[in-house]
Amino acid sequence: MTETGKPKQLLHLVFGGELENLQDVQFRDLSALDIVGIYPDYASALTAWKSKAQMTVDNAHMRYFIVHMHRLLNPDDKI
């Protein structure tokens, strides 16, 4: 927890897009990426990811990802 008593924000980005092929993470159209949102913790990001992934289950090339932004912002943190 932080000094204010709130849990520390561990930001996570959820985004997705259609892949060129199933063997690599290369997007067909970068301008069409779906930026779902930024979430304050992994649990919230996972809920959003599951929702979007379920909506696109019929498209095998559509993939959604969770990026641990807090690791990019503070690479020395052990969390």
N, C-alpha and C. Protein backbone atom coordinates (compact mmCIF):
# COMPACT_ATOMS: atom_id res chain seq x y z
N MET A 1 0.84 -1.18 0.00
CA MET A 1 0.00 0.00 0.00
C MET A 1 0.88 1.25 0.00
N THR A 2 0.31 2.31 -0.48
CA THR A 2 1.02 3.58 -0.49
C THR A 2 0.79 4.31 0.82
N GLU A 3 1.42 5.48 0.94
CA GLU A 3 1.29 6.27 2.17
C GLU A 3 -0.16 6.70 2.43
N THR A 4 -0.98 6.83 1.40
CA THR A 4 -2.36 7.26 1.57
C THR A 4 -3.29 6.10 1.92
N GLY A 5 -2.76 4.88 1.98
CA GLY A 5 -3.58 3.73 2.32
C GLY A 5 -4.21 3.05 1.11
N LYS A 6 -4.04 3.63 -0.06
CA LYS A 6 -4.56 3.01 -1.28
C LYS A 6 -3.57 1.98 -1.79
N PRO A 7 -4.06 0.92 -2.44
CA PRO A 7 -3.13 -0.03 -3.05
C PRO A 7 -2.32 0.65 -4.14
N LYS A 8 -1.08 0.21 -4.32
CA LYS A 8 -0.22 0.76 -5.36
C LYS A 8 -0.80 0.43 -6.72
N GLN A 9 -0.81 1.42 -7.62
CA GLN A 9 -1.30 1.19 -8.97
C GLN A 9 -0.25 0.40 -9.75
N LEU A 10 -0.68 -0.70 -10.31
CA LEU A 10 0.16 -1.50 -11.19
C LEU A 10 -0.54 -1.51 -12.54
N LEU A 11 -0.27 -0.48 -13.34
CA LEU A 11 -1.02 -0.26 -14.58
C LEU A 11 -0.82 -1.37 -15.60
N HIS A 12 -1.94 -1.74 -16.25
CA HIS A 12 -1.95 -2.76 -17.29
C HIS A 12 -2.75 -2.25 -18.48
N LEU A 13 -2.21 -2.45 -19.66
CA LEU A 13 -2.87 -2.06 -20.91
C LEU A 13 -3.44 -3.31 -21.57
N VAL A 14 -4.69 -3.22 -22.01
CA VAL A 14 -5.32 -4.31 -22.77
C VAL A 14 -5.57 -3.80 -24.18
N PHE A 15 -5.05 -4.55 -25.15
CA PHE A 15 -5.25 -4.17 -26.55
C PHE A 15 -5.26 -5.44 -27.40
N GLY A 16 -5.74 -5.28 -28.63
CA GLY A 16 -5.76 -6.43 -29.52
C GLY A 16 -5.85 -6.01 -30.96
N GLY A 17 -5.76 -7.00 -31.81
CA GLY A 17 -5.85 -6.76 -33.23
C GLY A 17 -5.78 -8.06 -34.00
N GLU A 18 -5.98 -7.95 -35.29
CA GLU A 18 -5.96 -9.13 -36.14
C GLU A 18 -4.53 -9.42 -36.59
N LEU A 19 -4.09 -10.66 -36.40
CA LEU A 19 -2.74 -11.06 -36.75
C LEU A 19 -2.65 -11.45 -38.22
N GLU A 20 -1.47 -11.28 -38.81
CA GLU A 20 -1.24 -11.69 -40.19
C GLU A 20 -1.29 -13.21 -40.31
N ASN A 21 -0.68 -13.90 -39.33
CA ASN A 21 -0.72 -15.36 -39.31
C ASN A 21 -0.70 -15.82 -37.86
N LEU A 22 -0.94 -17.09 -37.64
CA LEU A 22 -1.07 -17.60 -36.27
C LEU A 22 0.26 -17.97 -35.63
N GLN A 23 1.35 -17.90 -36.38
CA GLN A 23 2.65 -18.29 -35.85
C GLN A 23 3.46 -17.11 -35.31
N ASP A 24 3.01 -15.89 -35.53
CA ASP A 24 3.79 -14.72 -35.15
C ASP A 24 2.87 -13.60 -34.66
N VAL A 25 3.42 -12.66 -33.91
CA VAL A 25 2.64 -11.52 -33.45
C VAL A 25 2.97 -10.33 -34.36
N GLN A 26 2.40 -10.36 -35.54
CA GLN A 26 2.50 -9.27 -36.51
C GLN A 26 1.07 -8.90 -36.88
N PHE A 27 0.70 -7.66 -36.64
CA PHE A 27 -0.68 -7.24 -36.87
C PHE A 27 -0.90 -6.88 -38.34
N ARG A 28 -2.08 -7.22 -38.84
CA ARG A 28 -2.44 -6.91 -40.23
C ARG A 28 -2.50 -5.41 -40.48
N ASP A 29 -3.11 -4.68 -39.55
CA ASP A 29 -3.32 -3.25 -39.74
C ASP A 29 -3.16 -2.54 -38.40
N LEU A 30 -2.03 -1.87 -38.22
CA LEU A 30 -1.77 -1.19 -36.95
C LEU A 30 -2.78 -0.10 -36.65
N SER A 31 -3.32 0.52 -37.69
CA SER A 31 -4.30 1.58 -37.46
C SER A 31 -5.64 1.03 -36.97
N ALA A 32 -5.83 -0.28 -37.06
CA ALA A 32 -7.07 -0.90 -36.62
C ALA A 32 -6.95 -1.58 -35.25
N LEU A 33 -5.83 -1.37 -34.56
CA LEU A 33 -5.68 -1.97 -33.24
C LEU A 33 -6.80 -1.48 -32.31
N ASP A 34 -7.29 -2.38 -31.50
CA ASP A 34 -8.35 -2.08 -30.53
C ASP A 34 -7.70 -1.83 -29.18
N ILE A 35 -7.62 -0.56 -28.77
CA ILE A 35 -7.09 -0.23 -27.45
C ILE A 35 -8.28 -0.29 -26.48
N VAL A 36 -8.32 -1.36 -25.72
CA VAL A 36 -9.44 -1.59 -24.80
C VAL A 36 -9.38 -0.62 -23.63
N GLY A 37 -8.20 -0.48 -23.03
CA GLY A 37 -8.08 0.45 -21.92
C GLY A 37 -6.87 0.18 -21.05
N ILE A 38 -6.68 1.06 -20.08
CA ILE A 38 -5.62 0.93 -19.08
C ILE A 38 -6.30 0.69 -17.74
N TYR A 39 -5.80 -0.30 -17.01
CA TYR A 39 -6.44 -0.74 -15.77
C TYR A 39 -5.45 -0.65 -14.61
N PRO A 40 -5.97 -0.42 -13.39
CA PRO A 40 -5.10 -0.19 -12.24
C PRO A 40 -4.48 -1.45 -11.63
N ASP A 41 -4.93 -2.62 -12.07
CA ASP A 41 -4.40 -3.86 -11.53
C ASP A 41 -4.64 -4.99 -12.53
N TYR A 42 -3.95 -6.09 -12.30
CA TYR A 42 -4.03 -7.23 -13.23
C TYR A 42 -5.43 -7.83 -13.27
N ALA A 43 -6.09 -7.93 -12.14
CA ALA A 43 -7.42 -8.55 -12.09
C ALA A 43 -8.41 -7.80 -12.99
N SER A 44 -8.39 -6.48 -12.94
CA SER A 44 -9.28 -5.68 -13.79
C SER A 44 -8.93 -5.85 -15.25
N ALA A 45 -7.63 -5.87 -15.56
CA ALA A 45 -7.19 -6.06 -16.94
C ALA A 45 -7.60 -7.44 -17.45
N LEU A 46 -7.48 -8.45 -16.62
CA LEU A 46 -7.86 -9.81 -17.02
C LEU A 46 -9.34 -9.91 -17.32
N THR A 47 -10.17 -9.25 -16.54
CA THR A 47 -11.61 -9.24 -16.79
C THR A 47 -11.92 -8.61 -18.15
N ALA A 48 -11.27 -7.48 -18.45
CA ALA A 48 -11.47 -6.81 -19.74
C ALA A 48 -10.96 -7.68 -20.88
N TRP A 49 -9.80 -8.30 -20.69
CA TRP A 49 -9.22 -9.17 -21.71
C TRP A 49 -10.15 -10.34 -22.02
N LYS A 50 -10.66 -10.98 -20.99
CA LYS A 50 -11.57 -12.12 -21.19
C LYS A 50 -12.81 -11.72 -21.97
N SER A 51 -13.35 -10.57 -21.64
CA SER A 51 -14.55 -10.08 -22.32
C SER A 51 -14.29 -9.86 -23.80
N LYS A 52 -13.20 -9.17 -24.13
CA LYS A 52 -12.89 -8.89 -25.54
C LYS A 52 -12.52 -10.17 -26.28
N ALA A 53 -11.77 -11.04 -25.64
CA ALA A 53 -11.38 -12.30 -26.28
C ALA A 53 -12.61 -13.15 -26.59
N GLN A 54 -13.55 -13.17 -25.67
CA GLN A 54 -14.78 -13.95 -25.89
C GLN A 54 -15.60 -13.38 -27.04
N MET A 55 -15.62 -12.06 -27.18
CA MET A 55 -16.38 -11.42 -28.27
C MET A 55 -15.83 -11.77 -29.65
N THR A 56 -14.54 -12.10 -29.71
CA THR A 56 -13.90 -12.34 -31.01
C THR A 56 -13.49 -13.80 -31.18
N VAL A 57 -14.10 -14.69 -30.44
CA VAL A 57 -13.71 -16.10 -30.44
C VAL A 57 -13.88 -16.74 -31.83
N ASP A 58 -14.75 -16.23 -32.66
CA ASP A 58 -14.97 -16.80 -33.99
C ASP A 58 -13.91 -16.40 -35.00
N ASN A 59 -13.06 -15.45 -34.68
CA ASN A 59 -12.00 -15.01 -35.58
C ASN A 59 -10.66 -15.50 -35.02
N ALA A 60 -10.13 -16.57 -35.61
CA ALA A 60 -8.89 -17.18 -35.11
C ALA A 60 -7.70 -16.23 -35.17
N HIS A 61 -7.72 -15.24 -36.04
CA HIS A 61 -6.60 -14.32 -36.18
C HIS A 61 -6.66 -13.13 -35.21
N MET A 62 -7.77 -12.97 -34.53
CA MET A 62 -7.92 -11.85 -33.59
C MET A 62 -7.35 -12.26 -32.24
N ARG A 63 -6.44 -11.43 -31.70
CA ARG A 63 -5.81 -11.72 -30.42
C ARG A 63 -5.80 -10.46 -29.55
N TYR A 64 -5.99 -10.68 -28.27
CA TYR A 64 -5.91 -9.60 -27.29
C TYR A 64 -4.77 -9.92 -26.32
N PHE A 65 -4.13 -8.86 -25.83
CA PHE A 65 -2.96 -8.99 -24.98
C PHE A 65 -3.09 -8.08 -23.76
N ILE A 66 -2.40 -8.48 -22.69
CA ILE A 66 -2.26 -7.64 -21.50
C ILE A 66 -0.79 -7.25 -21.39
N VAL A 67 -0.53 -5.95 -21.37
CA VAL A 67 0.83 -5.44 -21.21
C VAL A 67 0.98 -4.91 -19.80
N HIS A 68 2.01 -5.36 -19.11
CA HIS A 68 2.30 -4.90 -17.75
C HIS A 68 3.03 -3.56 -17.84
N MET A 69 2.26 -2.49 -17.95
CA MET A 69 2.86 -1.15 -18.11
C MET A 69 3.72 -0.76 -16.92
N HIS A 70 3.36 -1.19 -15.73
CA HIS A 70 4.13 -0.84 -14.54
C HIS A 70 5.55 -1.37 -14.63
N ARG A 71 5.75 -2.47 -15.34
CA ARG A 71 7.10 -3.00 -15.52
C ARG A 71 7.90 -2.16 -16.50
N LEU A 72 7.23 -1.54 -17.46
CA LEU A 72 7.91 -0.66 -18.40
C LEU A 72 8.25 0.68 -17.75
N LEU A 73 7.33 1.16 -16.91
CA LEU A 73 7.52 2.46 -16.26
C LEU A 73 8.56 2.40 -15.14
N ASN A 74 8.60 1.27 -14.44
CA ASN A 74 9.53 1.10 -13.31
C ASN A 74 10.22 -0.25 -13.43
N PRO A 75 11.18 -0.41 -14.34
CA PRO A 75 11.78 -1.72 -14.57
C PRO A 75 12.57 -2.26 -13.38
N ASP A 76 12.94 -1.42 -12.44
CA ASP A 76 13.71 -1.88 -11.28
C ASP A 76 12.83 -2.44 -10.16
N ASP A 77 11.52 -2.18 -10.22
CA ASP A 77 10.61 -2.71 -9.22
C ASP A 77 10.55 -4.23 -9.33
N LYS A 78 10.44 -4.89 -8.21
CA LYS A 78 10.39 -6.36 -8.16
C LYS A 78 8.98 -6.91 -8.32
N ILE A 79 7.96 -6.05 -8.32
CA ILE A 79 6.57 -6.50 -8.43
C ILE A 79 6.24 -6.84 -9.85
